[in-house]
Amino acid sequence: MQFFSIANNRKSIFVIGIGLCLMLWIQNTEPVKDAQSSSVRRSGEFSGSQSPTAPRDFFLHGDYVHDPKIHTVLFFKEGLEQSQPHIRFQSEETLQLIFDDLSLSSRNFYYTIIHFDAHWQPSPLQQFEYIDGFNEGVIDNYTRSINTIVPYTQYRLQIPNETMRPRLPGNYLLKVYLNSDPRQVVFTRRFVIFEQLITIESSVRPATLVQFRNTHQQIRFEINTQHYPISNPNRDLRVVILQNGRWDNAIRGVQPRSILGSQLIFDNDNRLLFEAGNEFRRFDIRTLRFRSERVDQIVETHRQKEIFLRPDRIRAFSPYLTERDINGRFEINTHDAADAHLESDYATVHFRLPANQEFPNARVHVIGSLTGWAITPRNQLHFNAGSRAYELSLLLKQGFYNYKYILVDKQTSKATFAETEGNFSITENDYTILVYHRQPGTLFDRLIGISHQNSLSR
């Protein structure tokens, strides 16, 4: 009897041990699964990506401000404030970063750069392989605002600089963080460093397919590799196409339709279609003393000024009207003082989009450079049943702004202008084609060519 008792006890201990092991395994794996799925939900839900191959790590690898005290992040090629952050490799060109910190206390901002592949996933390279100089720098060029109701400190940084210089062409992420702790991320910004080793000829036209002819624009381009031979273009080339500098709806993964010697031809491909959208809306707050064209009311409080824009209207079912715009960008400027960057004040701008009823299973967001082209809860409008309108308030610096309203499906996260702005194939848009090459035996994507094309150019 004692024998059977011991055996039974051992059997029980064995079963209990297996049960504990299973519980520990579940505890260790389930949170990871949940974290990954929630990360995918967060990035997919708010990225507004229309491309199935768009990167999912938007909040880590995209243009995103994590700190609510940081405003008006400008990142451009030196001397061209409206340009995209693209510079030529091993040239004298530099990038200029400008941002405002609205916190009342002084803070220590640090930065680094990270190399990425063509699809904005980190390259498997060590920092010393793509950085010449120090891996970390401090942003010590700052100035206080002058005579503004809302005080701020403006910081500036130039890249490359004497202490940090990229050693390779390709995609980079500028990461700004606090107190030399990379975990305290303040904001991130993409930039690219390119070589012009190939030639790219492109054109933009209405879509070939009849069902998209009036609503979409189609890109056609040819790549000439005569002076930069590529043995296997289908395997080693990666092409990315941007509309108005946006990465969230970039087209990726296309292959040439035909190869004729050194000519790679990309045409009549239905994957090269973009929603044409409509011309951008605009408002002008370069002065806070008088109402401009789109400003309905200016209310002054002891803390700041409140700008109430005139109610917008849904344009999806209205005829197309030609409007001059700056394709979603904004310009910081003031008519009330001399220094545009240090004397421009901040004001809360109130957006209002009337609607008879709330869009079912969809969110409405304001989009443009004023939001970093990000689709996040910060720029989501909320439906006010009492006023029968979508409403949003944003703290913005004096200047001239472009923007649009975009609809995001709650289930699929697909973003579209079809229901809010309408799509017209004659809309003016800017396009950028970036061509990357993964050379056999290397671990990174080399940006070997870039081309810019406007839809109105012929």
Protein backbone atom coordinates (compact mmCIF):
# COMPACT_ATOMS: atom_id res chain seq x y z
CA MET A 1 0.00 0.00 0.00
CA GLN A 2 2.84 2.33 0.79
CA PHE A 3 4.33 1.60 -2.62
CA PHE A 4 1.12 2.59 -4.39
CA SER A 5 0.83 5.70 -2.21
CA ILE A 6 4.31 6.83 -3.15
CA ALA A 7 3.66 6.09 -6.83
CA ASN A 8 0.42 8.03 -6.76
CA ASN A 9 2.14 10.94 -5.04
CA ARG A 10 4.88 10.95 -7.67
CA LYS A 11 2.27 10.85 -10.38
CA SER A 12 0.45 13.76 -8.77
CA ILE A 13 3.67 15.75 -8.40
CA PHE A 14 4.50 15.04 -12.05
CA VAL A 15 1.05 16.25 -13.22
CA ILE A 16 1.26 19.33 -11.00
CA GLY A 17 4.75 20.07 -12.35
CA ILE A 18 3.51 19.88 -15.92
CA GLY A 19 0.63 22.18 -15.03
CA LEU A 20 2.97 24.77 -13.49
CA CYS A 21 5.25 24.63 -16.52
CA LEU A 22 2.27 25.25 -18.80
CA MET A 23 1.12 28.18 -16.68
CA LEU A 24 4.59 29.74 -16.75
CA TRP A 25 4.82 29.21 -20.50
CA ILE A 26 1.44 30.88 -21.03
CA GLN A 27 2.40 33.80 -18.79
CA ASN A 28 5.65 34.30 -20.67
CA THR A 29 4.22 33.98 -24.18
CA GLU A 30 0.75 35.46 -24.01
CA PRO A 31 1.82 38.99 -23.02
CA VAL A 32 4.30 38.99 -25.88
CA LYS A 33 1.56 37.93 -28.26
CA ASP A 34 -0.77 40.57 -26.85
CA ALA A 35 1.92 43.22 -26.99
CA GLN A 36 2.70 42.38 -30.59
CA SER A 37 -0.93 42.31 -31.63
CA SER A 38 -1.67 45.54 -29.75
CA SER A 39 1.38 47.12 -31.38
CA VAL A 40 0.04 46.08 -34.77
CA ARG A 41 -3.38 47.40 -33.85
CA ARG A 42 -1.94 50.72 -32.69
CA SER A 43 0.26 51.25 -35.71
CA GLY A 44 -2.34 49.96 -38.16
CA GLU A 45 -5.24 51.74 -36.53
CA PHE A 46 -3.63 55.14 -36.55
CA SER A 47 -1.20 54.94 -39.46
CA GLY A 48 -3.89 55.33 -42.09
CA SER A 49 -1.76 53.32 -44.45
CA GLN A 50 -3.29 52.41 -47.77
CA SER A 51 -0.42 50.11 -48.71
CA PRO A 52 -0.47 46.49 -47.51
CA THR A 53 3.33 46.58 -47.33
CA ALA A 54 3.55 49.82 -45.34
CA PRO A 55 5.65 49.59 -42.16
CA ARG A 56 3.63 48.78 -39.05
CA ASP A 57 6.04 50.30 -36.51
CA PHE A 58 4.83 53.81 -37.30
CA PHE A 59 5.15 55.26 -33.82
CA LEU A 60 8.73 54.01 -33.54
CA HIS A 61 9.93 54.41 -37.12
CA GLY A 62 7.82 57.30 -38.40
CA ASP A 63 7.43 61.06 -38.05
CA TYR A 64 5.79 61.19 -34.67
CA VAL A 65 5.88 63.56 -31.68
CA HIS A 66 5.68 61.67 -28.37
CA ASP A 67 5.97 64.71 -26.07
CA PRO A 68 2.87 66.98 -25.96
CA LYS A 69 5.04 69.99 -25.11
CA ILE A 70 6.88 69.80 -28.46
CA HIS A 71 5.36 71.78 -31.31
CA THR A 72 6.16 72.95 -34.85
CA VAL A 73 8.85 70.46 -35.81
CA LEU A 74 10.49 71.63 -39.04
CA PHE A 75 13.00 69.41 -40.85
CA PHE A 76 14.21 70.49 -44.28
CA LYS A 77 17.14 70.91 -46.61
CA GLU A 78 19.13 73.96 -45.53
CA GLY A 79 17.95 77.06 -47.41
CA LEU A 80 14.70 75.47 -48.65
CA GLU A 81 12.23 75.50 -45.78
CA GLN A 82 9.43 73.95 -47.86
CA SER A 83 11.60 71.06 -49.07
CA GLN A 84 11.59 67.43 -48.01
CA PRO A 85 14.53 66.26 -45.84
CA HIS A 86 16.52 64.77 -48.72
CA ILE A 87 20.24 65.52 -49.25
CA ARG A 88 22.90 64.16 -51.56
CA PHE A 89 25.49 61.77 -50.15
CA GLN A 90 29.02 63.17 -49.61
CA SER A 91 27.99 66.70 -50.58
CA GLU A 92 27.96 70.06 -48.82
CA GLU A 93 24.18 69.88 -48.41
CA THR A 94 22.84 69.83 -44.85
CA LEU A 95 19.51 69.39 -43.08
CA GLN A 96 18.08 71.91 -40.63
CA LEU A 97 15.94 70.85 -37.66
CA ILE A 98 13.88 73.45 -35.78
CA PHE A 99 11.38 72.74 -33.01
CA ASP A 100 9.68 74.55 -30.12
CA ASP A 101 9.49 73.35 -26.53
CA LEU A 102 6.54 74.84 -24.64
CA SER A 103 7.51 73.46 -21.24
CA LEU A 104 8.38 76.14 -18.70
CA SER A 105 11.56 74.46 -17.48
CA SER A 106 14.77 73.98 -19.44
CA ARG A 107 15.38 70.44 -20.68
CA ASN A 108 18.33 68.51 -22.05
CA PHE A 109 17.69 67.17 -25.55
CA TYR A 110 19.95 64.58 -27.14
CA TYR A 111 19.85 62.97 -30.56
CA THR A 112 21.11 60.09 -32.62
CA ILE A 113 20.49 58.71 -36.11
CA ILE A 114 19.49 55.17 -37.08
CA HIS A 115 19.89 53.53 -40.49
CA PHE A 116 16.83 51.80 -42.01
CA ASP A 117 16.08 49.71 -45.06
CA ALA A 118 13.78 50.71 -47.91
CA HIS A 119 10.70 49.59 -45.94
CA TRP A 120 11.66 51.44 -42.76
CA GLN A 121 12.83 48.49 -40.75
CA PRO A 122 16.16 48.88 -38.89
CA SER A 123 19.20 47.81 -40.91
CA PRO A 124 21.26 45.01 -39.28
CA LEU A 125 24.25 47.34 -39.01
CA GLN A 126 26.25 48.55 -36.02
CA GLN A 127 26.25 52.31 -35.46
CA PHE A 128 29.96 52.62 -36.24
CA GLU A 129 29.21 51.17 -39.69
CA TYR A 130 26.90 54.06 -40.67
CA ILE A 131 27.95 56.93 -38.35
CA ASP A 132 31.19 58.82 -38.70
CA GLY A 133 31.89 60.47 -35.35
CA PHE A 134 29.96 60.21 -32.09
CA ASN A 135 26.83 58.05 -31.80
CA GLU A 136 25.05 60.64 -29.67
CA GLY A 137 24.91 64.42 -29.64
CA VAL A 138 23.37 67.17 -27.53
CA ILE A 139 21.15 69.91 -28.97
CA ASP A 140 22.65 72.99 -27.35
CA ASN A 141 21.57 75.67 -29.83
CA TYR A 142 18.43 77.22 -28.32
CA THR A 143 16.76 80.63 -28.00
CA ARG A 144 13.83 81.92 -25.97
CA SER A 145 10.77 83.33 -27.74
CA ILE A 146 10.41 87.10 -27.87
CA ASN A 147 7.29 88.98 -26.66
CA THR A 148 4.90 86.07 -27.14
CA ILE A 149 1.79 85.34 -25.07
CA VAL A 150 2.70 81.67 -25.14
CA PRO A 151 6.39 81.38 -24.15
CA TYR A 152 8.56 78.72 -25.76
CA THR A 153 12.18 77.75 -26.30
CA GLN A 154 13.28 77.12 -29.86
CA TYR A 155 15.97 74.51 -30.58
CA ARG A 156 18.03 74.12 -33.74
CA LEU A 157 20.25 71.35 -35.08
CA GLN A 158 22.18 70.87 -38.30
CA ILE A 159 22.86 67.43 -39.79
CA PRO A 160 25.50 66.41 -40.80
CA ASN A 161 27.68 68.34 -38.35
CA GLU A 162 31.21 68.27 -36.96
CA THR A 163 30.46 65.51 -34.43
CA MET A 164 28.09 63.26 -36.39
CA ARG A 165 27.99 62.45 -40.09
CA PRO A 166 26.24 59.57 -41.92
CA ARG A 167 28.68 57.21 -43.64
CA LEU A 168 26.18 55.46 -45.92
CA PRO A 169 23.38 56.52 -48.26
CA GLY A 170 19.83 55.34 -47.55
CA ASN A 171 16.98 55.89 -45.11
CA TYR A 172 17.66 57.38 -41.69
CA LEU A 173 15.62 58.17 -38.62
CA LEU A 174 16.52 61.16 -36.46
CA LYS A 175 15.67 60.31 -32.86
CA VAL A 176 15.47 63.09 -30.25
CA TYR A 177 15.27 62.11 -26.59
CA LEU A 178 15.75 63.46 -23.07
CA ASN A 179 18.66 63.30 -20.64
CA SER A 180 20.87 61.00 -22.74
CA ASP A 181 18.28 58.24 -22.25
CA PRO A 182 17.16 56.81 -25.64
CA ARG A 183 14.07 55.36 -23.94
CA GLN A 184 12.72 58.89 -23.25
CA VAL A 185 11.85 59.55 -26.89
CA VAL A 186 10.60 63.07 -27.59
CA PHE A 187 10.05 62.82 -31.35
CA THR A 188 11.35 61.12 -34.48
CA ARG A 189 11.82 62.35 -38.04
CA ARG A 190 12.67 60.50 -41.24
CA PHE A 191 15.28 61.71 -43.71
CA VAL A 192 17.07 60.22 -46.72
CA ILE A 193 20.57 60.53 -48.10
CA PHE A 194 20.80 59.67 -51.78
CA GLU A 195 23.24 59.15 -54.61
CA GLN A 196 22.28 59.89 -58.20
CA LEU A 197 23.79 56.84 -59.90
CA ILE A 198 20.85 56.24 -62.24
CA THR A 199 18.45 58.40 -64.25
CA ILE A 200 14.69 58.35 -63.72
CA GLU A 201 12.17 59.72 -66.20
CA SER A 202 8.58 59.88 -65.01
CA SER A 203 5.13 61.19 -65.83
CA VAL A 204 1.75 61.39 -64.09
CA ARG A 205 -1.57 60.90 -65.87
CA PRO A 206 -5.16 59.84 -65.14
CA ALA A 207 -5.58 56.13 -64.45
CA THR A 208 -5.78 53.77 -67.41
CA LEU A 209 -8.66 51.73 -65.96
CA VAL A 210 -12.02 53.31 -66.72
CA GLN A 211 -13.35 52.94 -63.15
CA PHE A 212 -10.43 55.01 -61.79
CA ARG A 213 -9.91 57.42 -64.66
CA ASN A 214 -11.65 60.39 -63.02
CA THR A 215 -10.53 59.75 -59.45
CA HIS A 216 -6.95 58.38 -59.48
CA GLN A 217 -3.55 59.32 -60.85
CA GLN A 218 -1.17 56.76 -62.34
CA ILE A 219 2.61 56.97 -62.31
CA ARG A 220 4.73 55.87 -65.24
CA PHE A 221 8.52 55.90 -65.07
CA GLU A 222 11.68 54.46 -66.58
CA ILE A 223 14.96 53.76 -64.82
CA ASN A 224 18.19 53.84 -66.81
CA THR A 225 21.01 51.83 -65.22
CA GLN A 226 23.56 52.33 -68.01
CA HIS A 227 26.17 53.84 -65.67
CA TYR A 228 25.27 51.62 -62.74
CA PRO A 229 24.71 48.03 -63.94
CA ILE A 230 22.40 45.85 -61.85
CA SER A 231 22.60 42.12 -62.50
CA ASN A 232 19.19 41.17 -61.13
CA PRO A 233 16.81 44.18 -60.89
CA ASN A 234 13.76 42.10 -59.94
CA ARG A 235 15.59 40.75 -56.90
CA ASP A 236 17.87 43.61 -55.86
CA LEU A 237 15.91 46.80 -56.64
CA ARG A 238 13.34 48.34 -54.29
CA VAL A 239 11.19 51.21 -55.53
CA VAL A 240 9.14 53.52 -53.27
CA ILE A 241 6.79 56.25 -54.54
CA LEU A 242 5.53 59.10 -52.35
CA GLN A 243 2.64 61.49 -52.90
CA ASN A 244 3.19 65.00 -51.47
CA GLY A 245 5.95 63.66 -49.23
CA ARG A 246 3.68 61.21 -47.39
CA TRP A 247 5.08 57.87 -46.24
CA ASP A 248 1.81 56.49 -44.87
CA ASN A 249 0.32 55.78 -48.31
CA ALA A 250 3.59 55.09 -50.15
CA ILE A 251 3.57 52.52 -52.95
CA ARG A 252 6.14 49.75 -52.54
CA GLY A 253 7.01 46.37 -53.98
CA VAL A 254 6.49 47.12 -57.68
CA GLN A 255 8.57 45.37 -60.34
CA PRO A 256 9.41 46.58 -63.86
CA ARG A 257 6.91 45.52 -66.50
CA SER A 258 9.70 45.11 -69.01
CA ILE A 259 13.48 45.29 -69.16
CA LEU A 260 15.15 46.46 -72.37
CA GLY A 261 18.89 46.42 -71.88
CA SER A 262 19.63 49.06 -69.27
CA GLN A 263 16.05 50.42 -69.39
CA LEU A 264 13.64 49.30 -66.65
CA ILE A 265 10.10 50.28 -67.61
CA PHE A 266 7.31 50.69 -65.07
CA ASP A 267 4.02 51.43 -66.86
CA ASN A 268 0.38 50.33 -67.18
CA ASP A 269 0.62 48.86 -63.69
CA ASN A 270 -2.53 49.13 -61.60
CA ARG A 271 -0.36 49.04 -58.48
CA LEU A 272 0.96 52.49 -59.45
CA LEU A 273 -2.35 54.20 -58.68
CA PHE A 274 -2.86 56.96 -56.10
CA GLU A 275 -6.09 58.56 -54.98
CA ALA A 276 -5.89 61.98 -56.60
CA GLY A 277 -7.71 63.73 -53.78
CA ASN A 278 -8.68 67.39 -54.04
CA GLU A 279 -6.75 70.63 -53.71
CA PHE A 280 -5.79 71.36 -50.10
CA ARG A 281 -7.84 73.59 -47.88
CA ARG A 282 -6.04 76.53 -46.30
CA PHE A 283 -6.10 79.09 -43.54
CA ASP A 284 -3.92 82.08 -42.79
CA ILE A 285 -3.05 83.07 -39.21
CA ARG A 286 0.04 85.14 -39.97
CA THR A 287 -1.74 87.91 -38.09
CA LEU A 288 -3.69 87.47 -34.87
CA ARG A 289 -5.00 91.04 -34.92
CA PHE A 290 -7.39 90.82 -37.84
CA ARG A 291 -9.54 88.14 -39.38
CA SER A 292 -8.19 86.71 -42.61
CA GLU A 293 -10.14 84.95 -45.38
CA ARG A 294 -10.80 81.69 -43.53
CA VAL A 295 -10.90 83.04 -39.97
CA ASP A 296 -14.37 83.54 -38.54
CA GLN A 297 -13.54 84.79 -35.06
CA ILE A 298 -10.55 85.70 -32.85
CA VAL A 299 -11.04 85.48 -29.09
CA GLU A 300 -8.31 86.68 -26.74
CA THR A 301 -7.86 85.20 -23.29
CA HIS A 302 -5.23 85.84 -20.62
CA ARG A 303 -3.37 82.67 -21.67
CA GLN A 304 -3.56 82.69 -25.47
CA LYS A 305 -5.70 83.53 -28.47
CA GLU A 306 -8.46 81.32 -29.82
CA ILE A 307 -8.94 81.14 -33.59
CA PHE A 308 -12.29 79.88 -34.83
CA LEU A 309 -12.11 78.94 -38.51
CA ARG A 310 -15.15 79.27 -40.70
CA PRO A 311 -17.06 76.00 -40.93
CA ASP A 312 -15.77 73.80 -43.72
CA ARG A 313 -17.97 71.74 -45.98
CA ILE A 314 -17.72 68.22 -47.31
CA ARG A 315 -16.50 68.49 -50.91
CA ALA A 316 -16.94 64.87 -52.00
CA PHE A 317 -19.98 65.61 -54.16
CA SER A 318 -19.09 69.14 -55.27
CA PRO A 319 -17.49 70.06 -58.60
CA TYR A 320 -13.72 70.39 -58.72
CA LEU A 321 -12.39 73.92 -58.28
CA THR A 322 -8.82 74.98 -59.01
CA GLU A 323 -7.15 76.27 -55.86
CA ARG A 324 -3.56 77.36 -55.39
CA ASP A 325 -2.00 75.42 -52.54
CA ILE A 326 1.36 74.24 -51.22
CA ASN A 327 0.42 70.54 -51.27
CA GLY A 328 -0.19 70.03 -47.59
CA ARG A 329 2.77 71.96 -46.21
CA PHE A 330 2.80 74.99 -43.93
CA GLU A 331 4.90 78.13 -43.63
CA ILE A 332 5.74 79.73 -40.29
CA ASN A 333 5.45 83.50 -40.59
CA THR A 334 3.97 86.52 -38.88
CA HIS A 335 2.78 89.94 -39.99
CA ASP A 336 2.72 91.14 -36.38
CA ALA A 337 6.50 91.15 -35.72
CA ALA A 338 9.90 90.97 -37.43
CA ASP A 339 11.27 87.53 -36.50
CA ALA A 340 9.04 84.81 -37.96
CA HIS A 341 10.47 81.97 -35.87
CA LEU A 342 10.95 83.63 -32.46
CA GLU A 343 8.18 86.26 -32.42
CA SER A 344 5.38 84.20 -33.96
CA ASP A 345 2.87 83.33 -31.26
CA TYR A 346 0.78 80.23 -30.64
CA ALA A 347 -3.01 80.08 -30.79
CA THR A 348 -5.62 77.37 -30.45
CA VAL A 349 -7.23 76.82 -33.84
CA HIS A 350 -10.75 75.35 -33.89
CA PHE A 351 -11.79 73.24 -36.89
CA ARG A 352 -15.42 72.50 -37.69
CA LEU A 353 -16.78 70.18 -40.40
CA PRO A 354 -20.61 70.15 -40.48
CA ALA A 355 -22.26 66.78 -41.19
CA ASN A 356 -25.87 65.68 -41.01
CA GLN A 357 -24.84 62.55 -39.18
CA GLU A 358 -21.74 60.73 -37.97
CA PHE A 359 -19.89 58.59 -40.51
CA PRO A 360 -20.66 54.95 -39.61
CA ASN A 361 -17.67 52.85 -38.50
CA ALA A 362 -15.17 55.54 -39.44
CA ARG A 363 -13.10 58.32 -37.92
CA VAL A 364 -12.38 61.77 -39.37
CA HIS A 365 -8.90 63.28 -39.04
CA VAL A 366 -7.18 66.47 -40.11
CA ILE A 367 -4.08 65.61 -42.14
CA GLY A 368 -1.15 67.52 -43.58
CA SER A 369 2.32 68.63 -42.56
CA LEU A 370 0.72 70.38 -39.59
CA THR A 371 0.12 66.88 -38.14
CA GLY A 372 3.35 65.37 -39.53
CA TRP A 373 1.10 63.42 -41.92
CA ALA A 374 0.31 61.20 -38.94
CA ILE A 375 -3.21 59.91 -38.33
CA THR A 376 -3.46 59.76 -34.55
CA PRO A 377 -5.97 60.50 -31.77
CA ARG A 378 -4.45 63.99 -31.45
CA ASN A 379 -5.78 65.08 -34.84
CA GLN A 380 -9.07 63.18 -34.75
CA LEU A 381 -12.27 65.21 -34.99
CA HIS A 382 -15.18 64.21 -32.76
CA PHE A 383 -18.80 64.42 -33.77
CA ASN A 384 -20.90 66.90 -31.80
CA ALA A 385 -24.52 65.75 -32.08
CA GLY A 386 -25.76 69.09 -30.75
CA SER A 387 -24.06 71.20 -33.42
CA ARG A 388 -24.17 68.36 -35.99
CA ALA A 389 -20.52 68.84 -36.85
CA TYR A 390 -17.11 67.24 -36.42
CA GLU A 391 -14.89 69.41 -34.22
CA LEU A 392 -11.20 69.59 -33.31
CA SER A 393 -8.86 72.08 -31.61
CA LEU A 394 -5.11 72.24 -32.30
CA LEU A 395 -2.43 74.50 -30.83
CA LEU A 396 -0.60 75.98 -33.82
CA LYS A 397 2.03 78.61 -34.46
CA GLN A 398 1.37 81.67 -36.59
CA GLY A 399 1.69 80.95 -40.29
CA PHE A 400 -0.03 79.79 -43.46
CA TYR A 401 -1.39 76.24 -43.40
CA ASN A 402 -2.72 73.62 -45.80
CA TYR A 403 -4.85 70.69 -44.63
CA LYS A 404 -7.46 68.11 -45.60
CA TYR A 405 -10.02 65.90 -43.89
CA ILE A 406 -9.44 62.18 -44.26
CA LEU A 407 -11.77 59.30 -43.37
CA VAL A 408 -10.31 56.21 -41.65
CA ASP A 409 -12.22 52.93 -41.51
CA LYS A 410 -12.30 51.62 -37.92
CA GLN A 411 -12.04 47.97 -38.96
CA THR A 412 -9.56 48.04 -41.85
CA SER A 413 -7.72 51.31 -41.01
CA LYS A 414 -7.92 52.21 -44.69
CA ALA A 415 -7.74 55.97 -45.15
CA THR A 416 -9.50 57.75 -48.01
CA PHE A 417 -10.49 61.21 -49.20
CA ALA A 418 -13.44 59.85 -51.18
CA GLU A 419 -16.13 60.72 -48.61
CA THR A 420 -14.71 64.01 -47.29
CA GLU A 421 -12.75 65.76 -50.05
CA GLY A 422 -13.57 63.84 -53.21
CA ASN A 423 -11.06 62.50 -55.74
CA PHE A 424 -10.37 64.30 -59.00
CA SER A 425 -7.71 63.10 -61.42
CA ILE A 426 -6.88 66.69 -62.43
CA THR A 427 -5.79 67.61 -58.90
CA GLU A 428 -2.25 68.95 -58.63
CA ASN A 429 0.06 66.66 -56.59
CA ASP A 430 3.81 66.21 -56.10
CA TYR A 431 5.37 62.76 -56.49
CA THR A 432 8.76 61.44 -55.42
CA ILE A 433 10.32 58.22 -56.73
CA LEU A 434 13.07 56.64 -54.63
CA VAL A 435 15.12 53.71 -55.97
CA TYR A 436 17.10 51.50 -53.58
CA HIS A 437 19.61 48.77 -54.36
CA ARG A 438 20.53 45.87 -52.09
CA GLN A 439 23.92 44.86 -53.48
CA PRO A 440 24.62 41.11 -53.18
CA GLY A 441 26.58 40.39 -50.02
CA THR A 442 25.61 43.66 -48.27
CA LEU A 443 23.22 44.26 -45.37
CA PHE A 444 21.65 47.59 -46.28
CA ASP A 445 19.57 49.27 -48.99
CA ARG A 446 21.54 51.90 -50.87
CA LEU A 447 19.49 54.83 -52.19
CA ILE A 448 20.87 55.12 -55.73
CA GLY A 449 18.43 57.58 -57.27
CA ILE A 450 15.59 59.99 -56.60
CA SER A 451 13.21 61.87 -58.88
CA HIS A 452 10.50 64.49 -58.37
CA GLN A 453 7.47 64.93 -60.60
CA ASN A 454 4.44 67.22 -60.47
CA SER A 455 1.14 65.94 -61.84
CA LEU A 456 0.68 69.09 -63.97
CA SER A 457 4.10 68.77 -65.65
CA ARG A 458 4.16 67.35 -69.12
